[in-house]
Amino acid sequence: MRKIIRYTVGAALFTFLHLGLGSCAAKTKIKAKQQKRPNVILITSDDHAIQAISAYGHGISKVAPTPNIDRIAQNGAIFSKAYCTNSLCGPSRATILTGKFSHLNGFTRNRDKFDQNQPTFPKYLQMAGYQTALVGKWHLKGKPTQGFDYWTILNDQGEYYNPDFITGNDTVMNMGYATDIITDKSLDWLKEQRNSDKPFMLMVQNKAPHRNWWPAERHYNQFDSVTFPVPDTYFDDYKGRFAAGKQKMNVYRDMYEGHDLKMTVAAGIDSFRYDPWPHLFNRATSEQKERFWDAYRPINEAFHKMDLNDKELALWKYQRYLQDYMATISAVDENVGRILDYLEETGLDENTIVIYTSDQGFYLGEHGFFDKRFMYEESFRTPLLIQYPKSVEKGIKIDNMVQNLDFAETILDYCGVKIPNDMQGVSLKPLLQQEPIENWRDALYYHFYEFPGFHAARRHYGVRTERYKLIHFYHNMDRWELFDLQTDPSEMKNLYGKPGYEEITKNLKVKLSELQREYKEVI
């Protein structure tokens, strides 16, 4: 029988965090000073777009700021051109662990199963004397039985309310909100379970802000009075971009009105429109459901009184989407703050590398999209913020092109572990140390494999340089796209085959082939 643990979430939890630190702070500060090798905390959220982090200065985040995530940028470095290798949850996580592209680590699609017998950076850290832990979303099938001294993971995608956690052979329902519980468990491991005589590496892996963007109760209605700026490309007609026109990830056509937008069937009826996963809402207790309806009933009642035309309805859905997405981010930001506060109050911050990132980017209405998958900038580009007070200067911005392929190498480099020759990324340490660098990479390689698949994004691979991007859609089509990112940052004008771009296209194809050979992918 599944066990149940109850969490009390709210002000008392945050008060307890601060009160409970005083007695052990002095001892911890002494051990932190004695320790030479850095600790590492890698916080990875799911589908967190850079547009939703105020340190990046996007208009959306200006009306819904993220002050705690911004602290990492203020205390360290923010990367303006960080990218993933395959914009999908499982493949990105596999790349982060292995420092290898999907075709070599074997995890190209979400339906794959991660081969844990292969080398990963947590295994190398363990061999070097580090204590390692993983809390939260795993999403690589099976259990993380190799590379971690401690682990407790969500079941598959996980649930926002009262989520199941798997630890060893036990599956336990934890009463409360997933983002809070993941941080509770992470802090508990830091305070009570780790060996303070060893350096540590902790992976904190949030479910949020993954679909269906169900906020914590304290953030219900937080942004209901906010009007978020609508992307200029929201009503994209996909002219010249054949594959983009075939997707099924459009906010106003493809979102599930019940599951995603919490829309009800009619006025006065607390029942969702289309929701293919009703079991997720049904995990909530009767009290939690009532508080949900108290918050969302007025929204639905107001909607049912409107007589919206197609464009007005599309814009209404966009605002509903952003209001919940950004409210979900609020809990992520608060819990990042809890971890940073703990480090500062115990003196661990000086010798701890804190990395905040996402498994990939996400569309917040650009091109009319939600979700990810495409090589277009919004899903290809990821947030990356790193602080390490002992070594990284405060407030620096790094404009070099980097990828999640580089995370493993960077962590190993800082921890004094030799980077294996078969890892395919490069350490970001020289960039963070602001050392003179010659011949930094001038191009990025990308490959998305999951078609047929959810949202119908076609298979494609491509190359991005500082100015241009060339994409090849293949498998059941043969279409090319070329974009000048300097003159067309929104990627609306496909220049492939246009007069005057022959030489640029030729050079990009040569570069693409070079990268495929370098990364050992046979097409």
Protein backbone atom coordinates (compact mmCIF):
# COMPACT_ATOMS: atom_id res chain seq x y z
CA MET A 1 0.00 0.00 0.00
CA ARG A 2 1.23 3.47 -0.84
CA LYS A 3 2.36 5.51 2.14
CA ILE A 4 1.24 9.09 2.71
CA ILE A 5 3.26 11.94 4.21
CA ARG A 6 1.62 15.27 4.98
CA TYR A 7 3.44 18.58 4.50
CA THR A 8 2.25 21.85 5.96
CA VAL A 9 3.05 24.47 3.35
CA GLY A 10 2.98 28.17 4.06
CA ALA A 11 4.41 30.80 6.35
CA ALA A 12 5.15 28.33 9.12
CA LEU A 13 7.39 26.32 6.83
CA PHE A 14 9.49 29.33 5.89
CA THR A 15 9.67 30.52 9.51
CA PHE A 16 10.84 27.09 10.62
CA LEU A 17 13.60 27.16 8.03
CA HIS A 18 15.11 30.31 9.50
CA LEU A 19 14.60 29.43 13.17
CA GLY A 20 16.12 26.00 12.77
CA LEU A 21 19.43 27.22 11.44
CA GLY A 22 20.86 29.09 14.41
CA SER A 23 22.04 26.16 16.51
CA CYS A 24 24.07 24.53 13.75
CA ALA A 25 25.24 27.61 11.83
CA ALA A 26 28.54 28.08 13.69
CA LYS A 27 29.70 24.48 13.23
CA THR A 28 28.68 24.49 9.60
CA LYS A 29 30.57 27.73 8.93
CA ILE A 30 33.74 26.21 10.39
CA LYS A 31 33.43 23.12 8.18
CA ALA A 32 32.69 25.29 5.15
CA LYS A 33 35.92 27.24 5.70
CA GLN A 34 37.94 24.05 6.12
CA GLN A 35 36.60 22.52 2.94
CA LYS A 36 38.61 23.26 -0.20
CA ARG A 37 36.83 21.50 -3.03
CA PRO A 38 33.62 23.27 -4.00
CA ASN A 39 30.16 21.95 -3.36
CA VAL A 40 27.71 22.00 -6.26
CA ILE A 41 23.96 22.59 -6.32
CA LEU A 42 22.44 22.20 -9.78
CA ILE A 43 18.84 23.44 -9.85
CA THR A 44 17.01 22.39 -13.00
CA SER A 45 13.44 23.47 -13.61
CA ASP A 46 11.24 22.00 -16.31
CA ASP A 47 10.26 24.21 -19.28
CA HIS A 48 11.41 27.48 -17.73
CA ALA A 49 11.70 30.03 -20.51
CA ILE A 50 14.26 32.83 -20.29
CA GLN A 51 11.35 35.18 -21.04
CA ALA A 52 10.10 34.32 -17.56
CA ILE A 53 13.29 35.32 -15.69
CA SER A 54 13.53 39.02 -14.97
CA ALA A 55 17.35 39.00 -15.02
CA TYR A 56 17.04 38.51 -18.78
CA GLY A 57 14.98 41.69 -19.09
CA HIS A 58 12.05 40.36 -21.11
CA GLY A 59 8.78 42.28 -21.00
CA ILE A 60 6.86 39.31 -19.59
CA SER A 61 9.14 39.00 -16.56
CA LYS A 62 9.09 42.75 -15.92
CA VAL A 63 5.48 42.43 -14.75
CA ALA A 64 6.18 39.10 -13.00
CA PRO A 65 9.73 39.33 -11.61
CA THR A 66 11.89 36.51 -10.25
CA PRO A 67 13.96 38.23 -7.54
CA ASN A 68 15.57 35.08 -6.10
CA ILE A 69 16.69 33.56 -9.37
CA ASP A 70 17.97 37.04 -10.23
CA ARG A 71 20.13 36.86 -7.08
CA ILE A 72 22.23 34.18 -8.76
CA ALA A 73 22.93 36.53 -11.66
CA GLN A 74 23.70 39.38 -9.25
CA ASN A 75 26.03 37.15 -7.23
CA GLY A 76 27.69 35.60 -10.27
CA ALA A 77 27.21 35.18 -14.00
CA ILE A 78 24.33 35.15 -16.47
CA PHE A 79 24.75 33.50 -19.87
CA SER A 80 22.95 35.25 -22.72
CA LYS A 81 23.53 32.51 -25.30
CA ALA A 82 23.02 29.17 -23.57
CA TYR A 83 21.34 26.46 -25.62
CA CYS A 84 20.25 22.83 -25.41
CA THR A 85 21.14 20.02 -27.83
CA ASN A 86 17.66 18.47 -28.14
CA SER A 87 14.72 20.48 -26.81
CA LEU A 88 12.91 17.78 -24.89
CA CYS A 89 12.81 16.89 -21.18
CA GLY A 90 14.43 13.45 -21.04
CA PRO A 91 17.05 13.98 -23.76
CA SER A 92 18.19 17.23 -22.18
CA ARG A 93 18.60 15.57 -18.78
CA ALA A 94 20.58 12.74 -20.34
CA THR A 95 22.90 15.23 -22.03
CA ILE A 96 23.43 17.13 -18.78
CA LEU A 97 24.39 13.90 -16.98
CA THR A 98 26.71 12.54 -19.67
CA GLY A 99 28.16 15.56 -21.46
CA LYS A 100 27.21 13.83 -24.72
CA PHE A 101 24.71 14.36 -27.52
CA SER A 102 21.57 12.23 -27.62
CA HIS A 103 22.81 9.90 -30.36
CA LEU A 104 25.75 8.83 -28.17
CA ASN A 105 24.10 8.68 -24.75
CA GLY A 106 21.25 6.70 -26.30
CA PHE A 107 18.37 8.88 -25.08
CA THR A 108 16.96 10.62 -28.16
CA ARG A 109 13.24 10.55 -27.29
CA ASN A 110 11.18 10.65 -24.11
CA ARG A 111 10.08 7.07 -24.65
CA ASP A 112 13.68 5.84 -24.43
CA LYS A 113 15.23 4.42 -21.25
CA PHE A 114 18.46 5.87 -19.96
CA ASP A 115 21.39 3.45 -19.86
CA GLN A 116 22.73 3.96 -16.35
CA ASN A 117 25.76 1.78 -16.99
CA GLN A 118 27.37 4.57 -18.98
CA PRO A 119 29.61 7.19 -17.34
CA THR A 120 27.98 10.28 -15.86
CA PHE A 121 29.41 13.26 -14.04
CA PRO A 122 27.83 12.21 -10.69
CA LYS A 123 29.69 8.87 -10.96
CA TYR A 124 32.98 10.66 -11.54
CA LEU A 125 32.30 12.91 -8.53
CA GLN A 126 31.52 9.89 -6.37
CA MET A 127 34.85 8.32 -7.33
CA ALA A 128 36.54 11.60 -6.38
CA GLY A 129 35.04 11.48 -2.87
CA TYR A 130 31.93 13.59 -3.35
CA GLN A 131 28.60 12.78 -1.76
CA THR A 132 25.87 13.01 -4.40
CA ALA A 133 22.11 13.41 -4.20
CA LEU A 134 19.14 13.85 -6.55
CA VAL A 135 15.73 15.19 -5.54
CA GLY A 136 12.72 15.70 -7.80
CA LYS A 137 12.09 14.98 -11.44
CA TRP A 138 14.12 12.17 -13.04
CA HIS A 139 12.09 11.38 -16.18
CA LEU A 140 14.66 8.98 -17.66
CA LYS A 141 12.69 5.77 -16.95
CA GLY A 142 13.66 3.39 -14.18
CA LYS A 143 15.36 4.63 -11.02
CA PRO A 144 18.64 6.56 -10.59
CA THR A 145 20.37 3.64 -8.93
CA GLN A 146 23.86 4.58 -10.15
CA GLY A 147 25.77 7.78 -9.42
CA PHE A 148 23.78 8.96 -6.41
CA ASP A 149 24.30 8.24 -2.72
CA TYR A 150 20.78 9.49 -2.05
CA TRP A 151 17.82 9.92 -4.35
CA THR A 152 14.11 10.49 -4.13
CA ILE A 153 12.26 11.12 -7.37
CA LEU A 154 8.84 11.99 -8.72
CA ASN A 155 6.94 9.26 -10.48
CA ASP A 156 7.38 9.91 -14.22
CA GLN A 157 6.32 13.55 -14.86
CA GLY A 158 5.17 13.93 -11.28
CA GLU A 159 2.09 15.68 -9.95
CA TYR A 160 1.72 19.24 -8.72
CA TYR A 161 -0.45 18.41 -5.71
CA ASN A 162 0.16 15.51 -3.34
CA PRO A 163 2.84 13.98 -5.56
CA ASP A 164 4.21 10.45 -5.31
CA PHE A 165 7.91 10.17 -4.50
CA ILE A 166 9.90 7.00 -5.13
CA THR A 167 12.79 6.25 -2.78
CA GLY A 168 14.34 2.81 -3.08
CA ASN A 169 11.45 0.37 -3.34
CA ASP A 170 8.93 2.65 -1.63
CA THR A 171 6.40 4.91 -3.32
CA VAL A 172 5.02 7.52 -0.94
CA MET A 173 2.34 10.14 -1.50
CA ASN A 174 3.55 13.45 -0.03
CA MET A 175 0.73 15.81 0.84
CA GLY A 176 1.42 19.34 -0.34
CA TYR A 177 2.73 21.23 -3.35
CA ALA A 178 5.49 19.63 -5.45
CA THR A 179 7.82 22.64 -5.72
CA ASP A 180 7.78 23.17 -1.96
CA ILE A 181 8.23 19.48 -1.20
CA ILE A 182 11.20 19.11 -3.56
CA THR A 183 12.93 21.97 -1.76
CA ASP A 184 11.93 20.61 1.66
CA LYS A 185 13.57 17.29 0.82
CA SER A 186 16.64 18.99 -0.63
CA LEU A 187 17.13 21.13 2.48
CA ASP A 188 16.51 18.14 4.72
CA TRP A 189 19.29 16.25 2.94
CA LEU A 190 21.63 19.23 3.21
CA LYS A 191 20.94 19.76 6.91
CA GLU A 192 20.34 16.28 8.28
CA GLN A 193 21.58 13.55 5.95
CA ARG A 194 24.75 14.56 4.14
CA ASN A 195 28.21 13.89 5.51
CA SER A 196 29.53 17.36 6.36
CA ASP A 197 33.12 16.08 6.12
CA LYS A 198 32.70 15.51 2.38
CA PRO A 199 32.07 17.92 -0.48
CA PHE A 200 28.63 17.41 -1.98
CA MET A 201 26.78 17.63 -5.28
CA LEU A 202 23.02 18.04 -5.10
CA MET A 203 20.66 18.04 -8.09
CA VAL A 204 17.37 19.81 -7.33
CA GLN A 205 14.99 19.00 -10.18
CA ASN A 206 11.66 20.82 -10.20
CA LYS A 207 8.54 19.64 -11.96
CA ALA A 208 7.45 23.24 -12.43
CA PRO A 209 6.73 25.05 -14.63
CA HIS A 210 5.78 22.03 -16.76
CA ARG A 211 2.28 21.78 -18.20
CA ASN A 212 -0.45 22.16 -16.76
CA TRP A 213 0.87 25.15 -14.80
CA TRP A 214 -1.06 24.57 -11.59
CA PRO A 215 0.09 27.24 -9.11
CA ALA A 216 0.57 26.87 -5.39
CA GLU A 217 -2.53 27.95 -3.50
CA ARG A 218 -0.76 31.04 -2.18
CA HIS A 219 -0.31 32.18 -5.79
CA TYR A 220 -3.84 31.60 -7.05
CA ASN A 221 -5.03 34.80 -8.76
CA GLN A 222 -1.61 36.42 -8.29
CA PHE A 223 -1.51 37.75 -11.85
CA ASP A 224 -5.21 37.92 -12.68
CA SER A 225 -5.07 41.71 -12.86
CA VAL A 226 -1.88 41.72 -14.96
CA THR A 227 -2.00 42.10 -18.73
CA PHE A 228 1.01 40.35 -20.19
CA PRO A 229 2.56 41.73 -23.39
CA VAL A 230 1.47 39.66 -26.40
CA PRO A 231 4.33 38.51 -28.66
CA ASP A 232 4.41 40.18 -32.06
CA THR A 233 4.46 36.71 -33.64
CA TYR A 234 1.45 35.35 -31.73
CA PHE A 235 -0.69 35.19 -34.88
CA ASP A 236 2.08 33.76 -37.05
CA ASP A 237 0.83 32.33 -40.37
CA TYR A 238 3.99 30.16 -40.79
CA LYS A 239 4.55 31.38 -44.33
CA GLY A 240 7.70 29.80 -45.74
CA ARG A 241 8.04 27.45 -42.73
CA PHE A 242 6.21 24.30 -43.72
CA ALA A 243 7.02 22.17 -40.67
CA ALA A 244 6.01 24.94 -38.25
CA GLY A 245 2.59 25.00 -39.88
CA LYS A 246 2.12 21.27 -39.19
CA GLN A 247 2.69 21.37 -35.41
CA LYS A 248 0.00 20.86 -32.77
CA MET A 249 1.24 23.19 -30.05
CA ASN A 250 -0.74 26.33 -30.73
CA VAL A 251 -2.04 28.16 -27.67
CA TYR A 252 -5.47 29.02 -29.06
CA ARG A 253 -6.03 25.88 -31.17
CA ASP A 254 -4.30 23.02 -29.36
CA MET A 255 -4.29 23.73 -25.63
CA TYR A 256 -6.69 21.57 -23.64
CA GLU A 257 -9.24 24.04 -22.39
CA GLY A 258 -9.95 22.11 -19.21
CA HIS A 259 -6.58 20.64 -18.30
CA ASP A 260 -4.38 23.57 -19.35
CA LEU A 261 -6.59 26.66 -19.06
CA LYS A 262 -8.89 25.43 -16.24
CA MET A 263 -11.97 26.42 -18.27
CA THR A 264 -15.36 25.04 -17.23
CA VAL A 265 -18.12 23.65 -19.42
CA ALA A 266 -20.69 26.29 -18.54
CA ALA A 267 -21.59 29.04 -16.10
CA GLY A 268 -22.39 27.77 -12.63
CA ILE A 269 -20.88 24.32 -13.23
CA ASP A 270 -17.58 23.35 -11.58
CA SER A 271 -16.60 20.85 -14.24
CA PHE A 272 -13.70 21.12 -16.67
CA ARG A 273 -13.86 21.21 -20.42
CA TYR A 274 -11.59 18.70 -22.18
CA ASP A 275 -9.10 17.18 -19.74
CA PRO A 276 -7.39 13.94 -20.83
CA TRP A 277 -5.73 13.49 -17.42
CA PRO A 278 -8.50 13.99 -14.83
CA HIS A 279 -6.68 11.81 -12.30
CA LEU A 280 -4.21 14.67 -11.67
CA PHE A 281 -6.90 17.02 -10.38
CA ASN A 282 -8.50 14.17 -8.48
CA ARG A 283 -5.35 13.72 -6.39
CA ALA A 284 -6.33 16.91 -4.59
CA THR A 285 -8.23 16.57 -1.33
CA SER A 286 -11.78 17.88 -1.10
CA GLU A 287 -10.45 20.91 0.79
CA GLN A 288 -7.82 21.58 -1.87
CA LYS A 289 -10.42 21.27 -4.62
CA GLU A 290 -12.72 23.71 -2.88
CA ARG A 291 -9.93 26.29 -2.54
CA PHE A 292 -9.14 25.76 -6.22
CA TRP A 293 -12.72 26.42 -7.25
CA ASP A 294 -12.94 29.44 -4.96
CA ALA A 295 -10.00 30.90 -6.91
CA TYR A 296 -10.96 29.87 -10.44
CA ARG A 297 -14.77 30.04 -10.31
CA PRO A 298 -14.85 33.86 -10.67
CA ILE A 299 -12.51 33.66 -13.68
CA ASN A 300 -14.78 31.16 -15.40
CA GLU A 301 -17.98 32.97 -14.49
CA ALA A 302 -16.57 36.18 -15.99
CA PHE A 303 -15.51 34.32 -19.12
CA HIS A 304 -18.95 32.78 -19.66
CA LYS A 305 -20.49 36.27 -19.61
CA MET A 306 -18.25 37.37 -22.47
CA ASP A 307 -19.07 37.02 -26.14
CA LEU A 308 -15.59 36.70 -27.62
CA ASN A 309 -14.82 36.45 -31.31
CA ASP A 310 -12.01 34.20 -32.51
CA LYS A 311 -9.20 36.75 -32.09
CA GLU A 312 -10.51 37.92 -28.73
CA LEU A 313 -10.73 34.32 -27.51
CA ALA A 314 -7.18 33.64 -28.71
CA LEU A 315 -5.93 36.64 -26.76
CA TRP A 316 -7.96 35.67 -23.69
CA LYS A 317 -6.40 32.20 -23.75
CA TYR A 318 -2.94 33.73 -23.97
CA GLN A 319 -3.52 35.79 -20.83
CA ARG A 320 -4.92 32.77 -18.97
CA TYR A 321 -1.89 30.73 -19.99
CA LEU A 322 0.61 33.36 -18.83
CA GLN A 323 -1.24 34.09 -15.58
CA ASP A 324 -0.91 30.47 -14.46
CA TYR A 325 2.54 29.86 -15.95
CA MET A 326 4.02 32.87 -14.18
CA ALA A 327 2.21 32.04 -10.92
CA THR A 328 3.81 28.61 -11.07
CA ILE A 329 7.19 30.30 -11.53
CA SER A 330 6.57 32.28 -8.33
CA ALA A 331 6.86 29.11 -6.23
CA VAL A 332 10.02 28.09 -8.09
CA ASP A 333 11.55 31.49 -7.37
CA GLU A 334 10.60 31.43 -3.69
CA ASN A 335 12.14 28.00 -3.24
CA VAL A 336 15.34 29.00 -5.00
CA GLY A 337 15.44 31.78 -2.40
CA ARG A 338 15.11 29.25 0.40
CA ILE A 339 18.16 27.35 -0.85
CA LEU A 340 20.21 30.53 -1.30
CA ASP A 341 19.20 31.72 2.17
CA TYR A 342 20.30 28.42 3.70
CA LEU A 343 23.69 28.61 2.03
CA GLU A 344 24.24 32.19 3.16
CA GLU A 345 23.09 31.63 6.72
CA THR A 346 25.34 28.60 7.16
CA GLY A 347 28.37 30.07 5.41
CA LEU A 348 28.27 27.41 2.72
CA ASP A 349 27.62 29.94 -0.03
CA GLU A 350 31.26 31.01 -0.44
CA ASN A 351 32.40 27.53 -1.47
CA THR A 352 29.27 26.31 -3.24
CA ILE A 353 28.67 26.56 -6.98
CA VAL A 354 24.97 27.21 -7.58
CA ILE A 355 23.71 26.65 -11.12
CA TYR A 356 20.18 27.51 -12.21
CA THR A 357 18.94 26.26 -15.55
CA SER A 358 16.07 24.57 -17.34
CA ASP A 359 16.04 21.36 -19.36
CA GLN A 360 15.22 23.52 -22.38
CA GLY A 361 13.50 26.75 -23.31
CA PHE A 362 9.77 27.19 -23.84
CA TYR A 363 7.32 29.15 -25.96
CA LEU A 364 5.24 31.74 -24.18
CA GLY A 365 3.05 32.51 -27.16
CA GLU A 366 5.81 33.24 -29.68
CA HIS A 367 4.69 31.93 -33.11
CA GLY A 368 1.45 31.11 -31.31
CA PHE A 369 3.22 28.22 -29.58
CA PHE A 370 3.43 26.67 -26.17
CA ASP A 371 5.80 23.73 -25.46
CA LYS A 372 9.29 23.38 -27.00
CA ARG A 373 10.91 20.90 -29.52
CA PHE A 374 11.74 23.26 -32.39
CA MET A 375 15.19 24.73 -33.00
CA TYR A 376 13.70 28.23 -33.02
CA GLU A 377 15.29 30.42 -30.40
CA GLU A 378 12.61 30.34 -27.69
CA SER A 379 12.89 26.58 -27.13
CA PHE A 380 16.50 26.11 -28.25
CA ARG A 381 17.78 28.76 -25.85
CA THR A 382 17.88 27.99 -22.13
CA PRO A 383 18.42 30.03 -18.97
CA LEU A 384 21.81 29.60 -17.34
CA LEU A 385 22.89 31.48 -14.22
CA ILE A 386 25.89 30.49 -12.07
CA GLN A 387 27.22 31.85 -8.82
CA TYR A 388 30.41 30.83 -7.01
CA PRO A 389 31.48 33.69 -4.72
CA LYS A 390 34.89 32.16 -4.12
CA SER A 391 35.81 32.33 -7.79
CA VAL A 392 33.23 34.05 -10.02
CA GLU A 393 32.97 37.82 -10.04
CA LYS A 394 29.57 39.30 -9.26
CA GLY A 395 27.28 40.54 -11.99
CA ILE A 396 29.12 39.36 -15.10
CA LYS A 397 27.37 38.67 -18.40
CA ILE A 398 28.75 36.00 -20.73
CA ASP A 399 27.83 36.26 -24.41
CA ASN A 400 29.69 33.21 -25.74
CA MET A 401 27.59 30.40 -27.20
CA VAL A 402 27.37 27.51 -24.75
CA GLN A 403 25.22 24.38 -24.42
CA ASN A 404 23.91 22.05 -21.73
CA LEU A 405 26.47 19.70 -23.28
CA ASP A 406 29.04 21.72 -21.28
CA PHE A 407 27.55 21.40 -17.78
CA ALA A 408 29.17 18.07 -16.85
CA GLU A 409 32.61 19.22 -17.99
CA THR A 410 32.27 22.51 -16.10
CA ILE A 411 31.32 20.80 -12.83
CA LEU A 412 34.11 18.25 -13.10
CA ASP A 413 36.64 20.96 -13.94
CA TYR A 414 35.74 23.05 -10.89
CA CYS A 415 35.74 19.98 -8.67
CA GLY A 416 39.24 19.00 -9.71
CA VAL A 417 38.20 15.91 -11.66
CA LYS A 418 39.80 15.20 -15.01
CA ILE A 419 37.33 15.64 -17.87
CA PRO A 420 36.96 12.35 -19.77
CA ASN A 421 38.06 12.45 -23.39
CA ASP A 422 34.75 11.04 -24.64
CA MET A 423 32.67 13.92 -23.25
CA GLN A 424 31.70 16.22 -26.11
CA GLY A 425 31.30 19.59 -24.42
CA VAL A 426 33.82 22.03 -23.01
CA SER A 427 34.29 23.48 -19.54
CA LEU A 428 32.81 26.92 -18.98
CA LYS A 429 35.32 27.62 -16.23
CA PRO A 430 37.54 29.87 -18.41
CA LEU A 431 34.50 31.96 -19.32
CA LEU A 432 33.43 32.23 -15.69
CA GLN A 433 36.97 33.14 -14.66
CA GLN A 434 37.04 35.76 -17.46
CA GLU A 435 40.27 34.33 -18.81
CA PRO A 436 41.54 35.21 -22.29
CA ILE A 437 40.13 32.60 -24.67
CA GLU A 438 41.12 31.83 -28.23
CA ASN A 439 38.97 29.88 -30.66
CA TRP A 440 35.80 29.48 -28.60
CA ARG A 441 33.18 27.56 -30.57
CA ASP A 442 31.66 29.52 -33.44
CA ALA A 443 28.68 27.25 -34.06
CA LEU A 444 26.18 25.01 -32.27
CA TYR A 445 24.68 21.71 -33.36
CA TYR A 446 21.11 20.61 -32.62
CA HIS A 447 19.03 17.51 -33.37
CA PHE A 448 15.39 16.73 -32.51
CA TYR A 449 14.22 13.15 -33.12
CA GLU A 450 10.76 12.64 -31.62
CA PHE A 451 8.40 12.29 -34.57
CA PRO A 452 5.87 10.80 -34.75
CA GLY A 453 5.24 12.21 -31.32
CA PHE A 454 3.31 14.55 -29.10
CA HIS A 455 2.73 18.00 -30.67
CA ALA A 456 3.76 16.74 -34.13
CA ALA A 457 7.03 18.68 -34.36
CA ARG A 458 8.93 17.11 -37.27
CA ARG A 459 12.42 15.66 -36.95
CA HIS A 460 15.14 18.16 -37.73
CA TYR A 461 18.76 19.03 -37.18
CA GLY A 462 20.66 22.22 -37.74
CA VAL A 463 23.51 24.61 -37.09
CA ARG A 464 23.52 28.01 -35.43
CA THR A 465 26.31 30.54 -35.78
CA GLU A 466 26.44 34.00 -34.21
CA ARG A 467 24.37 35.39 -37.07
CA TYR A 468 22.72 32.60 -39.04
CA LYS A 469 20.72 29.46 -38.45
CA LEU A 470 20.21 26.62 -40.93
CA ILE A 471 17.66 23.90 -40.19
CA HIS A 472 16.91 20.71 -42.13
CA PHE A 473 13.54 19.02 -41.58
CA TYR A 474 13.76 15.40 -42.70
CA HIS A 475 12.23 11.93 -42.23
CA ASN A 476 8.84 12.46 -43.92
CA MET A 477 9.87 15.67 -45.66
CA ASP A 478 12.91 17.39 -47.07
CA ARG A 479 12.67 21.08 -46.17
CA TRP A 480 15.34 23.61 -45.32
CA GLU A 481 15.09 26.88 -43.42
CA LEU A 482 17.65 29.67 -43.22
CA PHE A 483 17.39 32.65 -40.90
CA ASP A 484 19.43 35.81 -40.47
CA LEU A 485 19.21 36.26 -36.69
CA GLN A 486 20.61 39.77 -36.91
CA THR A 487 17.90 41.17 -39.17
CA ASP A 488 15.16 38.68 -38.27
CA PRO A 489 15.56 37.63 -34.60
CA SER A 490 11.98 36.30 -34.51
CA GLU A 491 12.77 33.85 -37.35
CA MET A 492 9.82 34.77 -39.52
CA LYS A 493 11.54 34.97 -42.94
CA ASN A 494 12.91 31.78 -44.41
CA LEU A 495 15.77 32.83 -46.68
CA TYR A 496 16.65 29.37 -47.95
CA GLY A 497 16.81 29.39 -51.75
CA LYS A 498 16.52 33.17 -51.94
CA PRO A 499 18.88 35.00 -54.33
CA GLY A 500 21.98 36.33 -52.64
CA TYR A 501 22.16 33.64 -49.96
CA GLU A 502 23.82 30.88 -51.98
CA GLU A 503 27.29 31.31 -50.49
CA ILE A 504 25.98 31.64 -46.93
CA THR A 505 23.91 28.49 -47.37
CA LYS A 506 26.85 26.58 -48.83
CA ASN A 507 29.13 27.56 -45.94
CA LEU A 508 26.52 26.65 -43.34
CA LYS A 509 26.02 23.23 -44.89
CA VAL A 510 29.76 22.67 -44.77
CA LYS A 511 29.80 23.71 -41.11
CA LEU A 512 26.84 21.44 -40.38
CA SER A 513 28.67 18.46 -41.87
CA GLU A 514 31.80 19.33 -39.90
CA LEU A 515 29.85 19.36 -36.64
CA GLN A 516 28.18 16.06 -37.41
CA ARG A 517 31.58 14.50 -38.00
CA GLU A 518 33.01 16.13 -34.87
CA TYR A 519 30.14 14.88 -32.72
CA LYS A 520 30.14 11.46 -34.43
CA GLU A 521 26.59 11.55 -35.73
CA VAL A 522 26.01 9.71 -38.99
CA ILE A 523 23.04 11.11 -40.92
